[in-house]
């Protein structure tokens, strides 16, 4: 429990720093935006275990499982909409290539999205990756149950934002969201977790320009 609490604090501090840094930006140019209202955003499902599905659709149809609504609008991606994630599962959704522009000395590329996370324990997790080629992945974030609140607080939608390494500029970037649950009951955080899973909505990549010297 101490490890889990420390991870929650570290994640909160890191996100605060990342979000605060954009306050100095003089301008923001949105170069990619996807709310999944008109389609699945070009994401494909990669199944690596079990009959487990990520689904694109209406989260309001999930009834007792899941967030009940998407973050905005009526469509988003989620795991096993309307049902719990079974054990053992490990599956991801992958984006198509997104072309990034060149970046100047006073500019930064940033990516943001909204996520609903309701998983079973410390070893259950969601993950967010980026890649230059769609095969070699860099992990930017691991998502745990109620990582921004506490085990007794109902999960809800939260916004996450990250800087993108300048090495990705002026080339393609691929995005990947993973949900994984181990098979052992010993990994459960507590018996009452409903394993509603991981939901993703409202992705955007922006190019921020900062004042010289900030």
N, C-alpha and C. Protein backbone atom coordinates (compact mmCIF):
# COMPACT_ATOMS: atom_id res chain seq x y z
N UNK A 1 0.82 -1.21 0.00
CA UNK A 1 0.00 0.00 0.00
C UNK A 1 0.86 1.27 0.00
N UNK A 2 2.05 1.22 0.65
CA UNK A 2 2.93 2.38 0.65
C UNK A 2 3.44 2.66 -0.75
N UNK A 3 3.80 1.57 -1.47
CA UNK A 3 4.28 1.74 -2.84
C UNK A 3 3.20 2.36 -3.70
N UNK A 4 1.98 1.90 -3.53
CA UNK A 4 0.87 2.41 -4.33
C UNK A 4 0.63 3.89 -4.04
N UNK A 5 0.66 4.26 -2.75
CA UNK A 5 0.46 5.65 -2.37
C UNK A 5 1.55 6.55 -2.94
N UNK A 6 2.80 6.06 -2.91
CA UNK A 6 3.92 6.83 -3.44
C UNK A 6 3.78 7.04 -4.94
N UNK A 7 3.36 5.99 -5.65
CA UNK A 7 3.15 6.11 -7.08
C UNK A 7 2.07 7.13 -7.40
N UNK A 8 0.99 7.14 -6.59
CA UNK A 8 -0.08 8.10 -6.79
C UNK A 8 0.42 9.53 -6.61
N UNK A 9 1.23 9.76 -5.58
CA UNK A 9 1.77 11.11 -5.31
C UNK A 9 2.70 11.54 -6.43
N UNK A 10 3.60 10.63 -6.85
CA UNK A 10 4.55 10.96 -7.92
C UNK A 10 3.82 11.29 -9.21
N UNK A 11 2.78 10.51 -9.54
CA UNK A 11 2.02 10.76 -10.76
C UNK A 11 1.34 12.11 -10.70
N UNK A 12 0.78 12.44 -9.53
CA UNK A 12 0.09 13.71 -9.37
C UNK A 12 1.04 14.89 -9.52
N UNK A 13 2.23 14.79 -8.92
CA UNK A 13 3.21 15.86 -9.00
C UNK A 13 3.70 16.03 -10.44
N UNK A 14 3.99 14.90 -11.11
CA UNK A 14 4.48 14.96 -12.48
C UNK A 14 3.47 15.61 -13.40
N UNK A 15 2.20 15.22 -13.26
CA UNK A 15 1.16 15.79 -14.09
C UNK A 15 1.00 17.28 -13.82
N UNK A 16 1.11 17.69 -12.58
CA UNK A 16 0.98 19.11 -12.23
C UNK A 16 2.08 19.92 -12.90
N UNK A 17 3.31 19.39 -12.88
CA UNK A 17 4.44 20.09 -13.51
C UNK A 17 4.24 20.19 -15.01
N UNK A 18 3.82 19.09 -15.62
CA UNK A 18 3.64 19.09 -17.06
C UNK A 18 2.55 20.05 -17.50
N UNK A 19 1.45 20.05 -16.77
CA UNK A 19 0.34 20.93 -17.12
C UNK A 19 0.70 22.38 -16.88
N UNK A 20 1.43 22.66 -15.80
CA UNK A 20 1.79 24.04 -15.49
C UNK A 20 2.71 24.63 -16.54
N UNK A 21 3.54 23.79 -17.17
CA UNK A 21 4.51 24.31 -18.12
C UNK A 21 3.85 24.95 -19.34
N UNK A 22 2.64 24.51 -19.70
CA UNK A 22 1.96 25.06 -20.86
C UNK A 22 1.40 26.44 -20.58
N UNK A 23 1.36 26.86 -19.33
CA UNK A 23 0.82 28.18 -18.99
C UNK A 23 1.69 29.29 -19.56
N UNK A 24 2.97 29.00 -19.87
CA UNK A 24 3.88 30.02 -20.39
C UNK A 24 3.84 30.09 -21.91
N UNK A 25 3.07 29.21 -22.54
CA UNK A 25 3.03 29.19 -24.00
C UNK A 25 2.36 30.44 -24.56
N UNK A 26 2.96 30.99 -25.62
CA UNK A 26 2.36 32.14 -26.29
C UNK A 26 1.26 31.71 -27.25
N UNK A 27 1.41 30.52 -27.83
CA UNK A 27 0.40 30.04 -28.77
C UNK A 27 0.36 28.52 -28.78
N UNK A 28 -0.78 28.00 -29.20
CA UNK A 28 -0.97 26.56 -29.35
C UNK A 28 -1.56 26.28 -30.71
N UNK A 29 -0.93 25.38 -31.46
CA UNK A 29 -1.44 24.93 -32.74
C UNK A 29 -1.80 23.46 -32.62
N UNK A 30 -3.09 23.14 -32.70
CA UNK A 30 -3.53 21.75 -32.63
C UNK A 30 -3.29 21.10 -33.98
N UNK A 31 -2.45 20.08 -34.00
CA UNK A 31 -2.12 19.43 -35.26
C UNK A 31 -2.83 18.09 -35.44
N UNK A 32 -3.41 17.58 -34.35
CA UNK A 32 -4.18 16.32 -34.42
C UNK A 32 -5.21 16.35 -33.32
N UNK A 33 -6.44 15.99 -33.66
CA UNK A 33 -7.51 15.95 -32.67
C UNK A 33 -8.48 14.84 -33.04
N UNK A 34 -8.84 14.02 -32.05
CA UNK A 34 -9.75 12.92 -32.31
C UNK A 34 -10.66 12.70 -31.11
N UNK A 35 -11.96 12.89 -31.32
CA UNK A 35 -12.96 12.66 -30.28
C UNK A 35 -13.78 11.41 -30.50
N UNK A 36 -13.51 10.68 -31.60
CA UNK A 36 -14.14 9.39 -31.92
C UNK A 36 -15.64 9.48 -32.16
N UNK A 37 -16.15 10.66 -32.44
CA UNK A 37 -17.59 10.79 -32.68
C UNK A 37 -18.00 10.28 -34.06
N UNK A 38 -17.13 10.44 -35.04
CA UNK A 38 -17.49 10.07 -36.42
C UNK A 38 -16.87 8.75 -36.87
N UNK A 39 -16.18 8.08 -35.96
CA UNK A 39 -15.55 6.82 -36.30
C UNK A 39 -14.56 6.43 -35.23
N UNK A 40 -13.84 5.34 -35.47
CA UNK A 40 -12.93 4.82 -34.44
C UNK A 40 -11.57 5.50 -34.45
N UNK A 41 -11.42 6.55 -35.28
CA UNK A 41 -10.18 7.32 -35.28
C UNK A 41 -9.02 6.63 -35.98
N UNK A 42 -9.30 5.55 -36.70
CA UNK A 42 -8.23 4.82 -37.37
C UNK A 42 -7.46 3.89 -36.46
N UNK A 43 -7.95 3.70 -35.22
CA UNK A 43 -7.31 2.76 -34.30
C UNK A 43 -7.71 1.33 -34.63
N UNK A 44 -6.79 0.41 -34.45
CA UNK A 44 -7.06 -1.00 -34.66
C UNK A 44 -6.78 -1.76 -33.37
N UNK A 45 -7.48 -2.87 -33.18
CA UNK A 45 -7.35 -3.68 -31.98
C UNK A 45 -6.31 -4.76 -32.19
N UNK A 46 -5.36 -4.84 -31.27
CA UNK A 46 -4.34 -5.88 -31.29
C UNK A 46 -4.63 -6.83 -30.15
N UNK A 47 -5.08 -8.04 -30.47
CA UNK A 47 -5.38 -9.02 -29.43
C UNK A 47 -4.17 -9.90 -29.19
N UNK A 48 -3.76 -10.02 -27.92
CA UNK A 48 -2.61 -10.85 -27.62
C UNK A 48 -2.95 -11.97 -26.64
N UNK A 49 -4.19 -11.99 -26.15
CA UNK A 49 -4.56 -13.07 -25.23
C UNK A 49 -6.07 -13.08 -25.03
N UNK A 50 -6.61 -14.27 -24.79
CA UNK A 50 -8.00 -14.40 -24.35
C UNK A 50 -8.98 -13.82 -25.38
N UNK A 51 -10.26 -14.19 -25.32
CA UNK A 51 -11.27 -13.53 -26.16
C UNK A 51 -11.66 -12.19 -25.55
N UNK A 52 -10.78 -11.24 -25.68
CA UNK A 52 -10.91 -9.94 -25.02
C UNK A 52 -10.98 -8.85 -26.07
N UNK A 53 -11.88 -7.92 -25.92
CA UNK A 53 -12.05 -6.89 -26.93
C UNK A 53 -12.00 -5.49 -26.37
N UNK A 54 -11.19 -4.66 -26.99
CA UNK A 54 -11.40 -3.23 -26.94
C UNK A 54 -12.55 -2.94 -27.92
N UNK A 55 -13.37 -1.97 -27.60
CA UNK A 55 -14.50 -1.64 -28.45
C UNK A 55 -14.61 -0.13 -28.63
N UNK A 56 -15.00 0.27 -29.82
CA UNK A 56 -15.37 1.66 -30.06
C UNK A 56 -16.89 1.74 -30.08
N UNK A 57 -17.43 2.70 -29.31
CA UNK A 57 -18.88 2.81 -29.30
C UNK A 57 -19.39 3.78 -28.26
N UNK A 58 -20.62 3.55 -27.85
CA UNK A 58 -21.35 4.43 -26.95
C UNK A 58 -21.21 3.91 -25.52
N UNK A 59 -20.48 4.63 -24.68
CA UNK A 59 -20.25 4.17 -23.30
C UNK A 59 -21.52 4.23 -22.46
N UNK A 60 -22.55 4.94 -22.91
CA UNK A 60 -23.79 4.99 -22.13
C UNK A 60 -24.52 3.66 -22.17
N UNK A 61 -24.10 2.78 -23.08
CA UNK A 61 -24.73 1.46 -23.19
C UNK A 61 -24.05 0.43 -22.30
N UNK A 62 -23.06 0.87 -21.49
CA UNK A 62 -22.33 -0.07 -20.66
C UNK A 62 -23.07 -0.42 -19.37
N UNK A 63 -24.14 0.28 -19.05
CA UNK A 63 -24.98 -0.03 -17.90
C UNK A 63 -24.15 -0.06 -16.61
N UNK A 64 -24.08 -1.21 -15.94
CA UNK A 64 -23.46 -1.28 -14.61
C UNK A 64 -21.94 -1.21 -14.66
N UNK A 65 -21.34 -1.47 -15.82
CA UNK A 65 -19.89 -1.49 -15.92
C UNK A 65 -19.40 -0.32 -16.76
N UNK A 66 -18.30 0.28 -16.34
CA UNK A 66 -17.74 1.37 -17.10
C UNK A 66 -18.18 2.73 -16.59
N UNK A 67 -17.78 3.80 -17.30
CA UNK A 67 -18.05 5.16 -16.82
C UNK A 67 -19.49 5.61 -16.99
N UNK A 68 -20.26 4.94 -17.84
CA UNK A 68 -21.65 5.35 -18.08
C UNK A 68 -21.79 6.35 -19.20
N UNK A 69 -20.76 7.17 -19.43
CA UNK A 69 -20.71 8.12 -20.54
C UNK A 69 -19.28 8.24 -21.03
N UNK A 70 -19.13 8.68 -22.27
CA UNK A 70 -17.79 9.06 -22.73
C UNK A 70 -17.43 10.40 -22.10
N UNK A 71 -16.18 10.81 -22.23
CA UNK A 71 -15.81 12.09 -21.64
C UNK A 71 -16.58 13.23 -22.29
N UNK A 72 -16.70 13.22 -23.61
CA UNK A 72 -17.47 14.22 -24.33
C UNK A 72 -18.16 13.52 -25.50
N UNK A 73 -19.34 13.97 -25.85
CA UNK A 73 -20.06 13.31 -26.93
C UNK A 73 -20.57 11.95 -26.50
N UNK A 74 -20.78 11.09 -27.48
CA UNK A 74 -21.37 9.78 -27.19
C UNK A 74 -20.48 8.60 -27.58
N UNK A 75 -19.30 8.86 -28.18
CA UNK A 75 -18.47 7.75 -28.65
C UNK A 75 -17.06 7.86 -28.07
N UNK A 76 -16.48 6.70 -27.78
CA UNK A 76 -15.10 6.61 -27.28
C UNK A 76 -14.64 5.17 -27.43
N UNK A 77 -13.41 4.90 -27.04
CA UNK A 77 -12.88 3.54 -26.99
C UNK A 77 -12.93 3.04 -25.54
N UNK A 78 -13.23 1.76 -25.37
CA UNK A 78 -13.23 1.17 -24.03
C UNK A 78 -13.05 -0.33 -24.10
N UNK A 79 -12.73 -0.93 -22.97
CA UNK A 79 -12.51 -2.37 -22.90
C UNK A 79 -13.79 -3.09 -22.52
N UNK A 80 -14.18 -4.05 -23.35
CA UNK A 80 -15.35 -4.89 -23.06
C UNK A 80 -16.56 -4.06 -22.60
N UNK A 81 -16.96 -3.11 -23.40
CA UNK A 81 -18.05 -2.22 -23.02
C UNK A 81 -19.27 -3.02 -22.56
N UNK A 82 -19.73 -2.74 -21.35
CA UNK A 82 -20.88 -3.44 -20.81
C UNK A 82 -20.54 -4.64 -19.96
N UNK A 83 -19.23 -4.94 -19.83
CA UNK A 83 -18.83 -6.13 -19.09
C UNK A 83 -17.47 -5.89 -18.45
N UNK A 84 -17.13 -6.71 -17.46
CA UNK A 84 -15.81 -6.63 -16.83
C UNK A 84 -14.74 -7.22 -17.75
N UNK A 85 -13.48 -6.80 -17.51
CA UNK A 85 -12.36 -7.46 -18.18
C UNK A 85 -12.14 -8.82 -17.52
N UNK A 86 -12.03 -9.88 -18.29
CA UNK A 86 -11.74 -11.19 -17.69
C UNK A 86 -10.26 -11.30 -17.34
N UNK A 87 -9.88 -12.34 -16.66
CA UNK A 87 -8.48 -12.68 -16.42
C UNK A 87 -8.18 -13.98 -17.17
N UNK A 88 -7.05 -14.12 -17.81
CA UNK A 88 -5.97 -13.20 -18.00
C UNK A 88 -6.18 -12.48 -19.33
N UNK A 89 -5.91 -11.18 -19.43
CA UNK A 89 -6.01 -10.49 -20.71
C UNK A 89 -4.84 -9.53 -20.86
N UNK A 90 -4.50 -9.25 -22.11
CA UNK A 90 -3.47 -8.28 -22.43
C UNK A 90 -3.73 -7.84 -23.87
N UNK A 91 -4.36 -6.70 -24.04
CA UNK A 91 -4.72 -6.25 -25.38
C UNK A 91 -4.53 -4.76 -25.54
N UNK A 92 -4.31 -4.33 -26.77
CA UNK A 92 -4.01 -2.93 -27.06
C UNK A 92 -4.79 -2.43 -28.26
N UNK A 93 -4.96 -1.11 -28.34
CA UNK A 93 -5.42 -0.47 -29.56
C UNK A 93 -4.29 0.41 -30.07
N UNK A 94 -4.12 0.41 -31.39
CA UNK A 94 -3.02 1.12 -32.03
C UNK A 94 -3.57 2.14 -33.02
N UNK A 95 -2.97 3.31 -33.05
CA UNK A 95 -3.36 4.33 -34.02
C UNK A 95 -2.66 4.09 -35.34
N UNK A 96 -3.17 4.71 -36.38
CA UNK A 96 -2.41 4.79 -37.62
C UNK A 96 -1.34 5.87 -37.45
N UNK A 97 -0.48 6.03 -38.44
CA UNK A 97 0.60 7.02 -38.34
C UNK A 97 0.04 8.44 -38.32
N UNK A 98 0.55 9.26 -37.41
CA UNK A 98 0.19 10.67 -37.31
C UNK A 98 1.45 11.48 -37.61
N UNK A 99 1.39 12.32 -38.62
CA UNK A 99 2.58 13.07 -39.02
C UNK A 99 2.77 14.28 -38.12
N UNK A 100 3.97 14.40 -37.55
CA UNK A 100 4.31 15.53 -36.69
C UNK A 100 5.13 16.55 -37.48
N UNK A 101 4.98 17.82 -37.15
CA UNK A 101 5.74 18.86 -37.84
C UNK A 101 7.14 19.01 -37.25
N UNK A 102 8.03 19.75 -37.92
CA UNK A 102 9.31 20.10 -37.30
C UNK A 102 9.09 21.01 -36.09
N UNK A 103 10.06 21.02 -35.19
CA UNK A 103 9.94 21.80 -33.95
C UNK A 103 11.12 22.76 -33.84
N UNK A 104 10.82 24.04 -33.54
CA UNK A 104 11.86 25.02 -33.35
C UNK A 104 12.41 25.01 -31.94
N UNK A 105 13.43 25.83 -31.70
CA UNK A 105 14.11 25.85 -30.40
C UNK A 105 13.18 26.30 -29.28
N UNK A 106 12.18 27.11 -29.59
CA UNK A 106 11.25 27.61 -28.57
C UNK A 106 9.87 26.97 -28.69
N UNK A 107 9.85 25.73 -29.19
CA UNK A 107 8.58 25.03 -29.38
C UNK A 107 8.61 23.65 -28.73
N UNK A 108 7.44 23.13 -28.44
CA UNK A 108 7.33 21.80 -27.86
C UNK A 108 6.05 21.12 -28.35
N UNK A 109 6.17 19.86 -28.69
CA UNK A 109 5.01 19.03 -29.03
C UNK A 109 4.49 18.38 -27.75
N UNK A 110 3.18 18.39 -27.58
CA UNK A 110 2.56 17.79 -26.40
C UNK A 110 1.35 16.97 -26.84
N UNK A 111 1.09 15.91 -26.10
CA UNK A 111 -0.07 15.08 -26.36
C UNK A 111 -0.93 15.00 -25.11
N UNK A 112 -2.25 15.01 -25.29
CA UNK A 112 -3.16 14.91 -24.15
C UNK A 112 -4.33 14.01 -24.51
N UNK A 113 -4.92 13.42 -23.48
CA UNK A 113 -6.11 12.59 -23.66
C UNK A 113 -6.83 12.50 -22.33
N UNK A 114 -8.05 12.01 -22.39
CA UNK A 114 -8.85 11.74 -21.20
C UNK A 114 -9.00 10.24 -21.04
N UNK A 115 -8.92 9.76 -19.79
CA UNK A 115 -9.02 8.32 -19.54
C UNK A 115 -9.87 8.05 -18.31
N UNK A 116 -10.61 6.96 -18.37
CA UNK A 116 -11.34 6.42 -17.22
C UNK A 116 -10.68 5.10 -16.89
N UNK A 117 -10.20 4.96 -15.65
CA UNK A 117 -9.44 3.77 -15.25
C UNK A 117 -10.13 3.09 -14.06
N UNK A 118 -10.59 1.87 -14.26
CA UNK A 118 -11.17 1.09 -13.17
C UNK A 118 -10.68 -0.35 -13.31
N UNK A 119 -9.54 -0.63 -12.67
CA UNK A 119 -8.89 -1.93 -12.76
C UNK A 119 -8.79 -2.55 -11.39
N UNK A 120 -8.23 -3.75 -11.32
CA UNK A 120 -8.38 -4.53 -10.10
C UNK A 120 -7.31 -4.37 -9.04
N UNK A 121 -6.11 -3.97 -9.37
CA UNK A 121 -5.08 -3.94 -8.34
C UNK A 121 -3.77 -3.41 -8.86
N UNK A 122 -2.73 -3.53 -8.06
CA UNK A 122 -1.43 -2.97 -8.41
C UNK A 122 -0.83 -3.62 -9.65
N UNK A 123 -1.17 -4.87 -9.92
CA UNK A 123 -0.59 -5.55 -11.07
C UNK A 123 -1.49 -5.47 -12.30
N UNK A 124 -2.74 -5.04 -12.11
CA UNK A 124 -3.60 -4.70 -13.24
C UNK A 124 -3.24 -3.28 -13.65
N UNK A 125 -3.21 -3.02 -14.94
CA UNK A 125 -2.80 -1.68 -15.34
C UNK A 125 -3.21 -1.37 -16.77
N UNK A 126 -3.30 -0.08 -17.03
CA UNK A 126 -3.32 0.41 -18.39
C UNK A 126 -1.96 1.02 -18.68
N UNK A 127 -1.61 1.12 -19.94
CA UNK A 127 -0.37 1.76 -20.33
C UNK A 127 -0.58 2.58 -21.59
N UNK A 128 0.21 3.65 -21.71
CA UNK A 128 0.18 4.49 -22.90
C UNK A 128 1.58 4.54 -23.48
N UNK A 129 1.68 4.23 -24.77
CA UNK A 129 2.96 4.17 -25.47
C UNK A 129 2.94 5.07 -26.70
N UNK A 130 4.13 5.48 -27.14
CA UNK A 130 4.31 6.12 -28.43
C UNK A 130 5.43 5.41 -29.17
N UNK A 131 5.43 5.56 -30.49
CA UNK A 131 6.42 4.86 -31.31
C UNK A 131 6.66 5.65 -32.60
N UNK A 132 7.87 5.53 -33.13
CA UNK A 132 8.18 6.13 -34.42
C UNK A 132 7.80 5.22 -35.58
N UNK A 133 7.75 3.91 -35.32
CA UNK A 133 7.56 2.97 -36.42
C UNK A 133 6.40 1.99 -36.22
N UNK A 134 5.71 2.07 -35.08
CA UNK A 134 4.60 1.16 -34.83
C UNK A 134 5.01 -0.21 -34.35
N UNK A 135 6.31 -0.38 -34.04
CA UNK A 135 6.76 -1.68 -33.54
C UNK A 135 7.65 -1.57 -32.31
N UNK A 136 8.45 -0.52 -32.20
CA UNK A 136 9.29 -0.29 -31.03
C UNK A 136 8.65 0.82 -30.21
N UNK A 137 8.28 0.51 -28.94
CA UNK A 137 7.41 1.41 -28.18
C UNK A 137 8.12 2.02 -26.98
N UNK A 138 7.79 3.28 -26.70
CA UNK A 138 8.25 3.98 -25.51
C UNK A 138 7.05 4.20 -24.60
N UNK A 139 7.13 3.71 -23.37
CA UNK A 139 6.03 3.87 -22.42
C UNK A 139 6.10 5.25 -21.76
N UNK A 140 5.00 6.01 -21.86
CA UNK A 140 4.93 7.33 -21.24
C UNK A 140 4.16 7.31 -19.93
N UNK A 141 3.34 6.28 -19.73
CA UNK A 141 2.47 6.31 -18.55
C UNK A 141 1.94 4.91 -18.24
N UNK A 142 1.85 4.61 -16.94
CA UNK A 142 1.13 3.43 -16.47
C UNK A 142 -0.05 3.90 -15.63
N UNK A 143 -1.20 3.32 -15.87
CA UNK A 143 -2.44 3.75 -15.23
C UNK A 143 -2.94 2.66 -14.30
N UNK A 144 -3.15 3.03 -13.03
CA UNK A 144 -3.62 2.11 -12.01
C UNK A 144 -4.98 2.56 -11.50
N UNK A 145 -5.67 1.64 -10.83
CA UNK A 145 -7.00 1.94 -10.32
C UNK A 145 -6.99 3.15 -9.39
N UNK A 146 -7.83 4.13 -9.70
CA UNK A 146 -8.00 5.31 -8.83
C UNK A 146 -6.67 5.97 -8.48
N UNK A 147 -5.77 6.05 -9.45
CA UNK A 147 -4.42 6.56 -9.17
C UNK A 147 -4.42 8.02 -8.73
N UNK A 148 -5.47 8.76 -9.02
CA UNK A 148 -5.51 10.16 -8.63
C UNK A 148 -6.38 10.40 -7.40
N UNK A 149 -7.00 9.35 -6.88
CA UNK A 149 -7.87 9.52 -5.71
C UNK A 149 -7.50 8.51 -4.64
N UNK A 150 -8.41 7.59 -4.32
CA UNK A 150 -8.15 6.55 -3.33
C UNK A 150 -9.01 5.35 -3.65
N UNK A 151 -8.70 4.17 -3.07
CA UNK A 151 -9.47 2.97 -3.38
C UNK A 151 -10.96 3.09 -3.05
N UNK A 152 -11.31 3.99 -2.13
CA UNK A 152 -12.72 4.13 -1.73
C UNK A 152 -13.48 5.14 -2.58
N UNK A 153 -12.79 5.83 -3.51
CA UNK A 153 -13.42 6.83 -4.35
C UNK A 153 -13.80 6.22 -5.69
N UNK A 154 -15.00 6.50 -6.15
CA UNK A 154 -15.44 5.98 -7.44
C UNK A 154 -14.58 6.55 -8.55
N UNK A 155 -14.15 5.72 -9.51
CA UNK A 155 -13.32 6.22 -10.61
C UNK A 155 -14.10 7.20 -11.48
N UNK A 156 -13.38 8.08 -12.17
CA UNK A 156 -14.01 9.05 -13.06
C UNK A 156 -13.03 9.40 -14.17
N UNK A 157 -13.46 10.20 -15.12
CA UNK A 157 -12.60 10.64 -16.21
C UNK A 157 -11.55 11.63 -15.70
N UNK A 158 -10.29 11.47 -16.16
CA UNK A 158 -9.22 12.40 -15.82
C UNK A 158 -8.42 12.73 -17.08
N UNK A 159 -7.87 13.93 -17.09
CA UNK A 159 -7.07 14.40 -18.22
C UNK A 159 -5.59 14.17 -17.93
N UNK A 160 -4.85 13.71 -18.96
CA UNK A 160 -3.41 13.49 -18.86
C UNK A 160 -2.73 14.18 -20.03
N UNK A 161 -1.55 14.74 -19.78
CA UNK A 161 -0.83 15.47 -20.81
C UNK A 161 0.67 15.26 -20.66
N UNK A 162 1.36 15.11 -21.81
CA UNK A 162 2.79 14.80 -21.80
C UNK A 162 3.50 15.55 -22.90
N UNK A 163 4.76 15.90 -22.65
CA UNK A 163 5.62 16.40 -23.70
C UNK A 163 6.12 15.24 -24.56
N UNK A 164 6.32 15.51 -25.83
CA UNK A 164 6.83 14.52 -26.77
C UNK A 164 8.30 14.84 -27.06
N UNK A 165 9.15 13.85 -26.97
CA UNK A 165 10.58 14.03 -27.24
C UNK A 165 10.77 14.67 -28.62
N UNK A 166 11.62 15.70 -28.71
CA UNK A 166 11.86 16.35 -30.01
C UNK A 166 12.35 15.39 -31.09
N UNK A 167 12.89 14.25 -30.70
CA UNK A 167 13.34 13.26 -31.68
C UNK A 167 12.20 12.73 -32.53
N UNK A 168 10.95 12.89 -32.05
CA UNK A 168 9.79 12.43 -32.81
C UNK A 168 9.34 13.47 -33.84
N UNK A 169 9.83 14.70 -33.73
CA UNK A 169 9.37 15.78 -34.61
C UNK A 169 9.71 15.50 -36.06
N UNK A 170 8.88 16.07 -36.96
CA UNK A 170 9.11 15.98 -38.40
C UNK A 170 9.09 14.53 -38.89
N UNK A 171 8.26 13.72 -38.28
CA UNK A 171 8.13 12.32 -38.67
C UNK A 171 6.83 11.74 -38.14
N UNK A 172 6.58 10.47 -38.40
CA UNK A 172 5.34 9.86 -37.92
C UNK A 172 5.42 9.47 -36.45
N UNK A 173 4.27 9.48 -35.79
CA UNK A 173 4.15 8.96 -34.44
C UNK A 173 2.95 8.03 -34.39
N UNK A 174 3.10 6.94 -33.66
CA UNK A 174 2.01 5.98 -33.46
C UNK A 174 1.66 5.97 -31.97
N UNK A 175 0.38 5.83 -31.66
CA UNK A 175 -0.09 5.81 -30.28
C UNK A 175 -0.64 4.43 -29.96
N UNK A 176 -0.43 3.99 -28.73
CA UNK A 176 -0.91 2.67 -28.31
C UNK A 176 -1.41 2.73 -26.88
N UNK A 177 -2.60 2.20 -26.65
CA UNK A 177 -3.16 2.07 -25.31
C UNK A 177 -3.32 0.58 -25.00
N UNK A 178 -2.81 0.18 -23.85
CA UNK A 178 -2.81 -1.24 -23.46
C UNK A 178 -3.58 -1.42 -22.15
N UNK A 179 -4.33 -2.51 -22.03
CA UNK A 179 -4.97 -2.92 -20.77
C UNK A 179 -4.56 -4.35 -20.49
N UNK A 180 -4.09 -4.62 -19.26
CA UNK A 180 -3.61 -5.95 -18.91
C UNK A 180 -4.03 -6.32 -17.50
N UNK A 181 -4.47 -7.53 -17.32
CA UNK A 181 -4.82 -8.05 -15.99
C UNK A 181 -4.20 -9.44 -15.84
N UNK A 182 -3.40 -9.66 -14.80
CA UNK A 182 -2.81 -10.98 -14.59
C UNK A 182 -3.85 -12.00 -14.15
N UNK A 183 -3.46 -13.25 -14.17
CA UNK A 183 -4.41 -14.34 -13.93
C UNK A 183 -4.57 -14.69 -12.46
N UNK A 184 -3.65 -14.25 -11.62
CA UNK A 184 -3.65 -14.68 -10.22
C UNK A 184 -4.53 -13.80 -9.35
N UNK A 185 -5.35 -14.42 -8.52
CA UNK A 185 -6.18 -13.65 -7.60
C UNK A 185 -5.34 -12.98 -6.52
N UNK A 186 -4.09 -13.41 -6.36
CA UNK A 186 -3.21 -12.78 -5.38
C UNK A 186 -2.86 -11.34 -5.75
N UNK A 187 -3.09 -10.99 -7.02
CA UNK A 187 -2.74 -9.66 -7.48
C UNK A 187 -3.88 -8.66 -7.27
N UNK A 188 -5.04 -9.12 -6.79
CA UNK A 188 -6.17 -8.22 -6.62
C UNK A 188 -5.88 -7.21 -5.54
N UNK A 189 -6.31 -5.96 -5.77
CA UNK A 189 -6.16 -4.93 -4.74
C UNK A 189 -7.17 -5.16 -3.64
N UNK A 190 -8.41 -5.44 -4.00
CA UNK A 190 -9.45 -5.79 -3.03
C UNK A 190 -10.58 -6.47 -3.80
N UNK A 191 -11.34 -7.31 -3.12
CA UNK A 191 -12.34 -8.13 -3.78
C UNK A 191 -13.47 -7.34 -4.41
N UNK A 192 -13.70 -6.08 -3.98
CA UNK A 192 -14.82 -5.32 -4.49
C UNK A 192 -14.58 -4.63 -5.82
N UNK A 193 -13.36 -4.67 -6.35
CA UNK A 193 -13.09 -4.02 -7.62
C UNK A 193 -13.92 -4.65 -8.73
N UNK A 194 -14.48 -3.80 -9.62
CA UNK A 194 -15.39 -4.35 -10.62
C UNK A 194 -14.71 -4.61 -11.96
N UNK A 195 -13.43 -4.23 -12.13
CA UNK A 195 -12.70 -4.47 -13.38
C UNK A 195 -13.44 -3.92 -14.59
N UNK A 196 -14.05 -2.74 -14.43
CA UNK A 196 -14.73 -2.13 -15.58
C UNK A 196 -13.77 -1.83 -16.71
N UNK A 197 -12.51 -1.58 -16.38
CA UNK A 197 -11.50 -1.49 -17.42
C UNK A 197 -10.99 -0.10 -17.70
N UNK A 198 -10.59 0.12 -18.95
CA UNK A 198 -9.93 1.34 -19.39
C UNK A 198 -10.69 1.93 -20.56
N UNK A 199 -10.99 3.23 -20.47
CA UNK A 199 -11.70 3.95 -21.53
C UNK A 199 -10.87 5.17 -21.92
N UNK A 200 -10.85 5.49 -23.23
CA UNK A 200 -10.04 6.58 -23.77
C UNK A 200 -10.90 7.49 -24.64
N UNK A 201 -10.70 8.81 -24.49
CA UNK A 201 -11.47 9.76 -25.29
C UNK A 201 -10.67 11.05 -25.49
N UNK A 202 -11.04 11.80 -26.50
CA UNK A 202 -10.57 13.18 -26.73
C UNK A 202 -9.04 13.31 -26.71
N UNK A 203 -8.43 12.72 -27.73
CA UNK A 203 -6.99 12.82 -27.94
C UNK A 203 -6.65 14.09 -28.70
N UNK A 204 -5.51 14.67 -28.40
CA UNK A 204 -5.04 15.82 -29.17
C UNK A 204 -3.52 15.91 -29.07
N UNK A 205 -2.90 16.35 -30.16
CA UNK A 205 -1.48 16.67 -30.18
C UNK A 205 -1.36 18.13 -30.60
N UNK A 206 -0.60 18.91 -29.83
CA UNK A 206 -0.46 20.33 -30.10
C UNK A 206 1.01 20.71 -30.19
N UNK A 207 1.26 21.76 -30.96
CA UNK A 207 2.58 22.37 -31.02
C UNK A 207 2.50 23.70 -30.27
N UNK A 208 3.22 23.79 -29.15
CA UNK A 208 3.23 25.01 -28.34
C UNK A 208 4.47 25.84 -28.70
N UNK A 209 4.26 27.14 -28.82
CA UNK A 209 5.35 28.07 -29.00
C UNK A 209 5.49 28.92 -27.77
N UNK A 210 6.71 29.00 -27.23
CA UNK A 210 6.97 29.71 -25.98
C UNK A 210 7.74 31.00 -26.26
N UNK A 211 7.56 31.93 -25.36
CA UNK A 211 8.31 33.17 -25.46
C UNK A 211 9.81 32.88 -25.31
N UNK A 212 10.63 33.56 -26.05
CA UNK A 212 12.08 33.36 -25.98
C UNK A 212 12.59 33.63 -24.56
N UNK A 213 13.39 32.70 -24.03
CA UNK A 213 13.95 32.86 -22.70
C UNK A 213 13.15 32.25 -21.59
N UNK A 214 11.92 31.63 -21.90
CA UNK A 214 11.13 30.98 -20.85
C UNK A 214 11.52 29.55 -20.74
